[in-house]
Amino acid sequence: MVKEIIIRNIEKPHIKSLEEDLLWFCDSFGFSSGRDTKNTATRIIFSLLEKLSNDEVTSSEALAEDLNIKISRVNHHLRNLNDSGLLYRKKRLIYLRGGSLKAAVKEMRKDSERIFDELENIAEEIDSTIGIKNR
């Protein structure tokens, strides 16, 4: 279950490059913001995408080894990426939701629409209970 979806409206990169596009993608979803000054989440996603492009599956241990990062740090970022709906775990392996970045974004969009539908329904009930009329 998705716990948090962050969407930031950030200007797209002026230079067309895989690295810039991926950084923009991660920044737009808030994956590499805040205390992630080394863009660890972006590096994890890039490593995961590289493995998927070679039809490989991976684990947090393998990502930690590939990126030369402590396993605890990798697991922290993987939990956040899982909570956002971008990826999921099955046993010890990590998978990109829907099998591709585009499919994952589509699924995250559906998640956000469900959340907004619930918010709208409750907001309507609150308005009705308080006596506020919809325009």
Protein backbone atom coordinates (compact mmCIF):
# COMPACT_ATOMS: atom_id res chain seq x y z
CA MET A 1 0.00 0.00 0.00
CA VAL A 2 1.30 3.40 -0.98
CA LYS A 3 1.95 5.56 2.07
CA GLU A 4 3.22 8.77 0.53
CA ILE A 5 3.35 10.21 -2.96
CA ILE A 6 5.21 13.48 -3.36
CA ILE A 7 4.92 15.40 -6.62
CA ARG A 8 6.98 18.51 -7.19
CA ASN A 9 6.68 20.74 -10.24
CA ILE A 10 10.30 21.24 -11.25
CA GLU A 11 11.54 22.62 -14.54
CA LYS A 12 12.76 19.89 -16.85
CA PRO A 13 16.49 19.82 -17.59
CA HIS A 14 17.60 21.94 -20.53
CA ILE A 15 20.24 19.39 -21.46
CA LYS A 16 19.01 16.04 -22.73
CA SER A 17 20.92 13.35 -20.90
CA LEU A 18 20.00 10.15 -19.11
CA GLU A 19 21.62 11.32 -15.88
CA GLU A 20 19.89 14.73 -15.91
CA ASP A 21 16.53 13.17 -16.80
CA LEU A 22 16.80 10.60 -14.01
CA LEU A 23 17.81 13.25 -11.49
CA TRP A 24 14.84 15.39 -12.58
CA PHE A 25 12.55 12.37 -12.31
CA CYS A 26 13.74 11.60 -8.78
CA ASP A 27 13.61 15.24 -7.70
CA SER A 28 10.07 15.56 -9.09
CA PHE A 29 8.93 12.68 -6.88
CA GLY A 30 10.95 13.95 -3.92
CA PHE A 31 13.12 10.82 -3.86
CA SER A 32 16.39 12.70 -3.71
CA SER A 33 15.49 15.65 -1.58
CA GLY A 34 16.04 16.59 2.02
CA ARG A 35 18.95 14.87 3.72
CA ASP A 36 19.85 12.79 0.65
CA THR A 37 22.71 15.12 -0.31
CA LYS A 38 24.56 12.35 -2.15
CA ASN A 39 21.52 11.45 -4.29
CA THR A 40 21.58 7.93 -2.92
CA ALA A 41 17.99 7.24 -3.91
CA THR A 42 18.72 8.29 -7.48
CA ARG A 43 21.81 6.09 -7.56
CA ILE A 44 19.78 3.14 -6.26
CA ILE A 45 17.09 3.66 -8.89
CA PHE A 46 19.69 3.96 -11.66
CA SER A 47 21.40 0.75 -10.51
CA LEU A 48 18.04 -1.03 -10.36
CA LEU A 49 17.16 0.17 -13.87
CA GLU A 50 20.51 -1.02 -15.22
CA LYS A 51 19.93 -4.46 -13.75
CA LEU A 52 16.40 -4.61 -15.15
CA SER A 53 17.66 -3.65 -18.61
CA ASN A 54 19.88 -6.74 -18.44
CA ASP A 55 16.98 -8.93 -17.24
CA GLU A 56 18.60 -9.24 -13.81
CA VAL A 57 16.90 -9.18 -10.45
CA THR A 58 18.61 -7.66 -7.47
CA SER A 59 18.57 -7.45 -3.71
CA SER A 60 19.40 -4.71 -1.24
CA GLU A 61 22.67 -6.49 -0.48
CA ALA A 62 23.67 -6.48 -4.15
CA LEU A 63 22.74 -2.80 -4.52
CA ALA A 64 24.75 -1.92 -1.42
CA GLU A 65 27.74 -3.77 -2.80
CA ASP A 66 27.41 -2.28 -6.31
CA LEU A 67 27.12 1.26 -4.95
CA ASN A 68 29.59 0.82 -2.09
CA ILE A 69 26.98 1.98 0.43
CA LYS A 70 26.06 0.54 3.81
CA ILE A 71 23.15 -1.91 3.64
CA SER A 72 21.25 0.07 6.29
CA ARG A 73 21.34 3.19 4.09
CA VAL A 74 20.19 1.23 1.03
CA ASN A 75 17.33 -0.33 3.02
CA HIS A 76 16.28 3.09 4.29
CA HIS A 77 15.95 4.42 0.73
CA LEU A 78 14.31 1.22 -0.50
CA ARG A 79 11.65 1.55 2.23
CA ASN A 80 10.93 5.12 1.08
CA LEU A 81 10.78 4.06 -2.58
CA ASN A 82 8.50 1.18 -1.63
CA ASP A 83 6.25 3.50 0.40
CA SER A 84 5.96 5.83 -2.60
CA GLY A 85 4.82 2.98 -4.83
CA LEU A 86 7.78 3.02 -7.21
CA LEU A 87 9.07 -0.43 -6.34
CA TYR A 88 8.21 -3.44 -4.25
CA ARG A 89 9.95 -6.34 -2.58
CA LYS A 90 9.20 -9.99 -2.93
CA LYS A 91 11.15 -11.95 -0.35
CA ARG A 92 14.71 -10.59 -0.65
CA LEU A 93 14.41 -9.32 -4.23
CA ILE A 94 13.51 -5.84 -5.41
CA TYR A 95 11.29 -5.12 -8.40
CA LEU A 96 10.22 -1.98 -10.21
CA ARG A 97 6.46 -1.70 -10.02
CA GLY A 98 4.88 -2.64 -13.34
CA GLY A 99 8.27 -3.69 -14.70
CA SER A 100 9.17 -0.29 -16.15
CA LEU A 101 9.49 3.30 -15.01
CA LYS A 102 6.54 4.36 -17.17
CA ALA A 103 4.31 1.58 -15.81
CA ALA A 104 5.32 2.48 -12.25
CA VAL A 105 4.36 6.12 -12.83
CA LYS A 106 0.99 5.05 -14.27
CA GLU A 107 0.33 2.92 -11.19
CA MET A 108 1.36 5.77 -8.90
CA ARG A 109 -1.04 8.05 -10.78
CA LYS A 110 -3.86 5.57 -10.12
CA ASP A 111 -2.88 5.48 -6.45
CA SER A 112 -3.00 9.28 -6.21
CA GLU A 113 -6.38 9.39 -7.96
CA ARG A 114 -7.78 6.89 -5.42
CA ILE A 115 -6.40 9.02 -2.58
CA PHE A 116 -7.92 12.20 -4.05
CA ASP A 117 -11.27 10.42 -4.57
CA GLU A 118 -11.32 9.45 -0.88
CA LEU A 119 -10.36 12.99 0.16
CA GLU A 120 -13.07 14.47 -2.05
CA ASN A 121 -15.73 12.16 -0.59
CA ILE A 122 -14.80 12.99 2.99
CA ALA A 123 -14.56 16.71 2.16
CA GLU A 124 -18.09 16.57 0.73
CA GLU A 125 -19.36 14.86 3.90
CA ILE A 126 -17.66 17.48 6.08
CA ASP A 127 -19.12 20.31 3.97
CA SER A 128 -22.57 18.76 4.19
CA THR A 129 -22.34 18.20 7.96
CA ILE A 130 -21.19 21.78 8.58
CA GLY A 131 -23.69 23.21 6.13
CA ILE A 132 -21.35 24.48 3.45
CA LYS A 133 -22.92 24.29 -0.01
CA ASN A 134 -20.95 23.29 -3.08
CA ARG A 135 -20.98 25.77 -5.89
